[in-house]
């Protein structure tokens, strides 16, 4: 893997993907960001096995792909390195096995990576029901149902809120097996 990219573009993408990464994870590889450099794009994936955020940077003037490849880099370290580099462009290259070099105009870092094969396969291409709604309305719906969700980890399935969209109707349900909250919202046609 070898590419050059504008620092600010990589920093913004890392900031998004890092939000899904947990510092305490049962799988050590999930404390990192997966860099997957393909023919015409760079895909950054962060996950804690519950939440996954994937950011795609397409090849253009800001991203120059020199050699394809993949590696997982510790999210905290790579984010701090990119944030501290005082350069407009950053060059990232796997130089020996999984040893990754991050280079700015006057500084160079080396960071040990993890093999991307160890990263869990996460398929975000599955399609489901799509809908568009106001964020404040969604926030209100969650606020009106979350009180009924369980806060005890003994039954993890009850700690969430169930969203079901069909026939332009959104049903939101939460329960802890004692309380039940259900909100029905009519969706606009797209």
C-alpha atoms as a PDB file:
ATOM      1  CA  UNK A   1       0.000   0.000   0.000  1.00  0.00           C
ATOM      2  CA  UNK A   2       1.349   3.399  -0.956  1.00  0.00           C
ATOM      3  CA  UNK A   3      -0.530   6.663  -1.460  1.00  0.00           C
ATOM      4  CA  UNK A   4      -0.376  10.460  -1.095  1.00  0.00           C
ATOM      5  CA  UNK A   5      -3.286  12.497   0.201  1.00  0.00           C
ATOM      6  CA  UNK A   6      -4.119  16.002   1.395  1.00  0.00           C
ATOM      7  CA  UNK A   7      -3.709  16.072   5.180  1.00  0.00           C
ATOM      8  CA  UNK A   8      -7.015  17.832   5.857  1.00  0.00           C
ATOM      9  CA  UNK A   9      -8.973  15.333   3.747  1.00  0.00           C
ATOM     10  CA  UNK A  10      -7.439  12.357   5.593  1.00  0.00           C
ATOM     11  CA  UNK A  11      -7.905  14.057   8.963  1.00  0.00           C
ATOM     12  CA  UNK A  12     -11.625  14.630   8.292  1.00  0.00           C
ATOM     13  CA  UNK A  13     -12.118  11.021   7.177  1.00  0.00           C
ATOM     14  CA  UNK A  14     -10.245   9.680  10.212  1.00  0.00           C
ATOM     15  CA  UNK A  15     -12.293  11.878  12.551  1.00  0.00           C
ATOM     16  CA  UNK A  16     -15.472  10.274  11.201  1.00  0.00           C
ATOM     17  CA  UNK A  17     -14.260   6.660  11.250  1.00  0.00           C
ATOM     18  CA  UNK A  18     -12.633   6.962  14.691  1.00  0.00           C
ATOM     19  CA  UNK A  19     -16.009   7.699  16.294  1.00  0.00           C
ATOM     20  CA  UNK A  20     -16.979   4.036  15.968  1.00  0.00           C
ATOM     21  CA  UNK A  21     -13.749   2.641  17.443  1.00  0.00           C
ATOM     22  CA  UNK A  22     -13.666   1.563  21.078  1.00  0.00           C
ATOM     23  CA  UNK A  23     -10.430   1.730  23.077  1.00  0.00           C
ATOM     24  CA  UNK A  24     -11.579  -1.295  25.097  1.00  0.00           C
ATOM     25  CA  UNK A  25     -12.500  -4.007  22.642  1.00  0.00           C
ATOM     26  CA  UNK A  26     -12.490  -7.781  23.032  1.00  0.00           C
ATOM     27  CA  UNK A  27     -10.787  -7.963  19.626  1.00  0.00           C
ATOM     28  CA  UNK A  28      -7.555  -5.931  19.634  1.00  0.00           C
ATOM     29  CA  UNK A  29      -7.826  -5.378  15.864  1.00  0.00           C
ATOM     30  CA  UNK A  30     -11.038  -3.381  16.465  1.00  0.00           C
ATOM     31  CA  UNK A  31      -9.029  -0.655  18.232  1.00  0.00           C
ATOM     32  CA  UNK A  32      -7.746   0.298  14.787  1.00  0.00           C
ATOM     33  CA  UNK A  33      -8.886   1.837  11.528  1.00  0.00           C
ATOM     34  CA  UNK A  34      -8.773  -0.393   8.463  1.00  0.00           C
ATOM     35  CA  UNK A  35      -7.116   1.335   5.495  1.00  0.00           C
ATOM     36  CA  UNK A  36      -8.207  -0.433   2.310  1.00  0.00           C
ATOM     37  CA  UNK A  37      -6.587   1.138  -0.752  1.00  0.00           C
ATOM     38  CA  UNK A  38      -8.266  -0.106  -3.912  1.00  0.00           C
ATOM     39  CA  UNK A  39      -7.924   0.790  -7.589  1.00  0.00           C
ATOM     40  CA  UNK A  40      -9.702   4.155  -7.421  1.00  0.00           C
ATOM     41  CA  UNK A  41     -10.508   4.780  -3.766  1.00  0.00           C
ATOM     42  CA  UNK A  42      -9.382   4.639  -0.151  1.00  0.00           C
ATOM     43  CA  UNK A  43     -11.861   3.064   2.261  1.00  0.00           C
ATOM     44  CA  UNK A  44     -11.428   3.774   5.973  1.00  0.00           C
ATOM     45  CA  UNK A  45     -13.423   1.510   8.303  1.00  0.00           C
ATOM     46  CA  UNK A  46     -13.843   1.894  12.054  1.00  0.00           C
ATOM     47  CA  UNK A  47     -15.948  -0.463  14.163  1.00  0.00           C
ATOM     48  CA  UNK A  48     -16.543  -1.686  17.683  1.00  0.00           C
ATOM     49  CA  UNK A  49     -18.621  -4.662  16.376  1.00  0.00           C
ATOM     50  CA  UNK A  50     -21.864  -2.842  17.265  1.00  0.00           C
ATOM     51  CA  UNK A  51     -21.367   0.356  15.269  1.00  0.00           C
ATOM     52  CA  UNK A  52     -19.458   0.611  11.995  1.00  0.00           C
ATOM     53  CA  UNK A  53     -18.503   3.803  10.183  1.00  0.00           C
ATOM     54  CA  UNK A  54     -16.995   3.594   6.732  1.00  0.00           C
ATOM     55  CA  UNK A  55     -15.582   6.606   4.895  1.00  0.00           C
ATOM     56  CA  UNK A  56     -14.687   6.473   1.207  1.00  0.00           C
ATOM     57  CA  UNK A  57     -12.231   8.873  -0.429  1.00  0.00           C
ATOM     58  CA  UNK A  58     -12.277   8.693  -4.213  1.00  0.00           C
ATOM     59  CA  UNK A  59      -9.145   9.113  -6.277  1.00  0.00           C
ATOM     60  CA  UNK A  60      -8.782  12.713  -7.472  1.00  0.00           C
ATOM     61  CA  UNK A  61      -6.336  15.578  -7.012  1.00  0.00           C
ATOM     62  CA  UNK A  62      -6.393  15.046  -3.227  1.00  0.00           C
ATOM     63  CA  UNK A  63      -5.636  11.281  -3.353  1.00  0.00           C
ATOM     64  CA  UNK A  64      -2.887   9.750  -5.493  1.00  0.00           C
ATOM     65  CA  UNK A  65      -2.776   5.940  -5.411  1.00  0.00           C
ATOM     66  CA  UNK A  66       0.686   4.494  -6.016  1.00  0.00           C
ATOM     67  CA  UNK A  67       0.172   0.866  -4.896  1.00  0.00           C
ATOM     68  CA  UNK A  68      -2.937  -0.923  -3.667  1.00  0.00           C
ATOM     69  CA  UNK A  69      -3.081  -2.737  -0.338  1.00  0.00           C
ATOM     70  CA  UNK A  70      -4.627  -2.851   3.114  1.00  0.00           C
ATOM     71  CA  UNK A  71      -3.548  -2.492   6.731  1.00  0.00           C
ATOM     72  CA  UNK A  72      -5.131  -1.794  10.115  1.00  0.00           C
ATOM     73  CA  UNK A  73      -3.542   1.063  12.083  1.00  0.00           C
ATOM     74  CA  UNK A  74      -4.233   1.948  15.716  1.00  0.00           C
ATOM     75  CA  UNK A  75      -6.910   4.645  15.533  1.00  0.00           C
ATOM     76  CA  UNK A  76      -5.590   6.826  18.339  1.00  0.00           C
ATOM     77  CA  UNK A  77      -2.011   6.845  17.055  1.00  0.00           C
ATOM     78  CA  UNK A  78      -2.809   7.430  13.379  1.00  0.00           C
ATOM     79  CA  UNK A  79      -5.289  10.198  14.219  1.00  0.00           C
ATOM     80  CA  UNK A  80      -2.754  11.960  16.477  1.00  0.00           C
ATOM     81  CA  UNK A  81       0.027  11.596  13.911  1.00  0.00           C
ATOM     82  CA  UNK A  82      -2.057  13.020  11.065  1.00  0.00           C
ATOM     83  CA  UNK A  83      -3.300  15.830  13.310  1.00  0.00           C
ATOM     84  CA  UNK A  84       0.242  16.819  14.371  1.00  0.00           C
ATOM     85  CA  UNK A  85       1.922  16.688  10.955  1.00  0.00           C
ATOM     86  CA  UNK A  86       2.553  20.221   9.735  1.00  0.00           C
ATOM     87  CA  UNK A  87       2.298  19.585   6.007  1.00  0.00           C
ATOM     88  CA  UNK A  88      -0.325  19.953   3.290  1.00  0.00           C
ATOM     89  CA  UNK A  89       0.300  16.452   1.898  1.00  0.00           C
ATOM     90  CA  UNK A  90       0.858  13.141   3.673  1.00  0.00           C
ATOM     91  CA  UNK A  91       2.396  10.027   2.194  1.00  0.00           C
ATOM     92  CA  UNK A  92       1.540   6.643   3.718  1.00  0.00           C
ATOM     93  CA  UNK A  93       3.397   3.509   2.687  1.00  0.00           C
ATOM     94  CA  UNK A  94       3.809  -0.039   3.979  1.00  0.00           C
ATOM     95  CA  UNK A  95       7.575  -0.478   3.938  1.00  0.00           C
ATOM     96  CA  UNK A  96       8.285  -3.831   5.610  1.00  0.00           C
ATOM     97  CA  UNK A  97       5.594  -6.412   6.270  1.00  0.00           C
ATOM     98  CA  UNK A  98       3.125  -4.304   8.223  1.00  0.00           C
ATOM     99  CA  UNK A  99       5.463  -1.485   9.278  1.00  0.00           C
ATOM    100  CA  UNK A 100       3.819   1.649   7.940  1.00  0.00           C
ATOM    101  CA  UNK A 101       5.608   4.923   7.236  1.00  0.00           C
ATOM    102  CA  UNK A 102       3.656   8.167   7.546  1.00  0.00           C
ATOM    103  CA  UNK A 103       5.576  11.034   6.026  1.00  0.00           C
ATOM    104  CA  UNK A 104       5.006  14.790   5.918  1.00  0.00           C
ATOM    105  CA  UNK A 105       7.263  17.445   4.399  1.00  0.00           C
ATOM    106  CA  UNK A 106       9.802  17.490   7.248  1.00  0.00           C
ATOM    107  CA  UNK A 107       8.783  14.623   9.525  1.00  0.00           C
ATOM    108  CA  UNK A 108       8.447  10.860   9.298  1.00  0.00           C
ATOM    109  CA  UNK A 109       6.694   8.387  11.607  1.00  0.00           C
ATOM    110  CA  UNK A 110       6.760   4.594  11.614  1.00  0.00           C
ATOM    111  CA  UNK A 111       3.778   2.726  12.996  1.00  0.00           C
ATOM    112  CA  UNK A 112       3.293  -1.027  13.317  1.00  0.00           C
ATOM    113  CA  UNK A 113       0.093  -2.159  11.686  1.00  0.00           C
ATOM    114  CA  UNK A 114      -2.044  -5.256  11.859  1.00  0.00           C
ATOM    115  CA  UNK A 115      -2.870  -7.507   8.939  1.00  0.00           C
ATOM    116  CA  UNK A 116      -6.165  -6.425   7.373  1.00  0.00           C
ATOM    117  CA  UNK A 117      -7.205 -10.097   7.064  1.00  0.00           C
ATOM    118  CA  UNK A 118      -7.683 -10.143  10.863  1.00  0.00           C
ATOM    119  CA  UNK A 119     -10.258  -7.332  10.645  1.00  0.00           C
ATOM    120  CA  UNK A 120     -13.834  -8.722  10.709  1.00  0.00           C
ATOM    121  CA  UNK A 121     -15.619  -8.724   7.364  1.00  0.00           C
ATOM    122  CA  UNK A 122     -18.233  -6.007   7.522  1.00  0.00           C
ATOM    123  CA  UNK A 123     -20.584  -5.778   4.555  1.00  0.00           C
ATOM    124  CA  UNK A 124     -22.265  -2.380   4.379  1.00  0.00           C
ATOM    125  CA  UNK A 125     -23.563  -2.961   0.855  1.00  0.00           C
ATOM    126  CA  UNK A 126     -26.719  -4.733   2.026  1.00  0.00           C
ATOM    127  CA  UNK A 127     -29.738  -2.656   1.196  1.00  0.00           C
ATOM    128  CA  UNK A 128     -32.799  -2.281   3.351  1.00  0.00           C
ATOM    129  CA  UNK A 129     -35.610   0.186   3.652  1.00  0.00           C
ATOM    130  CA  UNK A 130     -34.451   3.760   3.101  1.00  0.00           C
ATOM    131  CA  UNK A 131     -36.251   6.785   4.425  1.00  0.00           C
ATOM    132  CA  UNK A 132     -35.506  10.443   5.050  1.00  0.00           C
ATOM    133  CA  UNK A 133     -36.713  12.316   8.108  1.00  0.00           C
ATOM    134  CA  UNK A 134     -35.911  15.402  10.107  1.00  0.00           C
ATOM    135  CA  UNK A 135     -33.156  14.784  12.673  1.00  0.00           C
ATOM    136  CA  UNK A 136     -35.058  16.618  15.425  1.00  0.00           C
ATOM    137  CA  UNK A 137     -38.134  14.441  14.828  1.00  0.00           C
ATOM    138  CA  UNK A 138     -35.964  11.311  15.046  1.00  0.00           C
ATOM    139  CA  UNK A 139     -34.411  12.629  18.262  1.00  0.00           C
ATOM    140  CA  UNK A 140     -37.892  13.186  19.727  1.00  0.00           C
ATOM    141  CA  UNK A 141     -39.017   9.681  18.732  1.00  0.00           C
ATOM    142  CA  UNK A 142     -35.964   8.136  20.396  1.00  0.00           C
ATOM    143  CA  UNK A 143     -36.495  10.292  23.486  1.00  0.00           C
ATOM    144  CA  UNK A 144     -40.118   9.147  23.758  1.00  0.00           C
ATOM    145  CA  UNK A 145     -39.228   5.426  23.635  1.00  0.00           C
ATOM    146  CA  UNK A 146     -35.783   5.003  25.198  1.00  0.00           C
ATOM    147  CA  UNK A 147     -37.074   5.126  28.784  1.00  0.00           C
ATOM    148  CA  UNK A 148     -38.517   1.635  28.308  1.00  0.00           C
ATOM    149  CA  UNK A 149     -35.250   0.081  27.081  1.00  0.00           C
ATOM    150  CA  UNK A 150     -33.330  -1.973  29.624  1.00  0.00           C
ATOM    151  CA  UNK A 151     -30.107  -0.623  31.112  1.00  0.00           C
ATOM    152  CA  UNK A 152     -29.015  -4.034  32.411  1.00  0.00           C
ATOM    153  CA  UNK A 153     -26.568  -6.053  30.317  1.00  0.00           C
ATOM    154  CA  UNK A 154     -27.997  -9.389  31.501  1.00  0.00           C
ATOM    155  CA  UNK A 155     -30.367  -9.355  28.506  1.00  0.00           C
ATOM    156  CA  UNK A 156     -28.514  -7.304  25.872  1.00  0.00           C
ATOM    157  CA  UNK A 157     -31.273  -7.659  23.284  1.00  0.00           C
ATOM    158  CA  UNK A 158     -33.496  -5.459  25.458  1.00  0.00           C
ATOM    159  CA  UNK A 159     -30.961  -2.634  25.750  1.00  0.00           C
ATOM    160  CA  UNK A 160     -31.754  -1.293  22.291  1.00  0.00           C
ATOM    161  CA  UNK A 161     -34.623   0.271  20.411  1.00  0.00           C
ATOM    162  CA  UNK A 162     -36.231  -1.605  17.513  1.00  0.00           C
ATOM    163  CA  UNK A 163     -36.838   0.397  14.312  1.00  0.00           C
ATOM    164  CA  UNK A 164     -39.113  -1.096  11.664  1.00  0.00           C
ATOM    165  CA  UNK A 165     -40.037   0.776   8.480  1.00  0.00           C
ATOM    166  CA  UNK A 166     -42.657  -0.528   6.043  1.00  0.00           C
ATOM    167  CA  UNK A 167     -45.374   0.974   3.841  1.00  0.00           C
ATOM    168  CA  UNK A 168     -44.336   4.550   4.745  1.00  0.00           C
ATOM    169  CA  UNK A 169     -44.739   3.842   8.459  1.00  0.00           C
ATOM    170  CA  UNK A 170     -41.917   3.840  11.014  1.00  0.00           C
ATOM    171  CA  UNK A 171     -42.541   1.788  14.152  1.00  0.00           C
ATOM    172  CA  UNK A 172     -40.151   2.354  17.048  1.00  0.00           C
ATOM    173  CA  UNK A 173     -40.412  -0.048  20.002  1.00  0.00           C
ATOM    174  CA  UNK A 174     -38.442  -0.413  23.239  1.00  0.00           C
ATOM    175  CA  UNK A 175     -39.000  -2.725  26.211  1.00  0.00           C
ATOM    176  CA  UNK A 176     -37.251  -4.030  29.307  1.00  0.00           C
ATOM    177  CA  UNK A 177     -39.920  -6.797  29.687  1.00  0.00           C
ATOM    178  CA  UNK A 178     -41.762  -4.713  32.322  1.00  0.00           C
ATOM    179  CA  UNK A 179     -42.345  -1.500  30.370  1.00  0.00           C
ATOM    180  CA  UNK A 180     -43.194  -1.112  26.715  1.00  0.00           C
ATOM    181  CA  UNK A 181     -42.983   2.023  24.583  1.00  0.00           C
ATOM    182  CA  UNK A 182     -44.147   2.178  20.989  1.00  0.00           C
ATOM    183  CA  UNK A 183     -44.169   5.168  18.670  1.00  0.00           C
ATOM    184  CA  UNK A 184     -45.648   5.112  15.163  1.00  0.00           C
ATOM    185  CA  UNK A 185     -44.605   7.796  12.696  1.00  0.00           C
ATOM    186  CA  UNK A 186     -45.865   8.296   9.123  1.00  0.00           C
ATOM    187  CA  UNK A 187     -43.029   8.757   6.637  1.00  0.00           C
ATOM    188  CA  UNK A 188     -43.190  10.937   3.542  1.00  0.00           C
ATOM    189  CA  UNK A 189     -43.007   9.223   0.180  1.00  0.00           C
ATOM    190  CA  UNK A 190     -39.647   9.518  -1.573  1.00  0.00           C
END
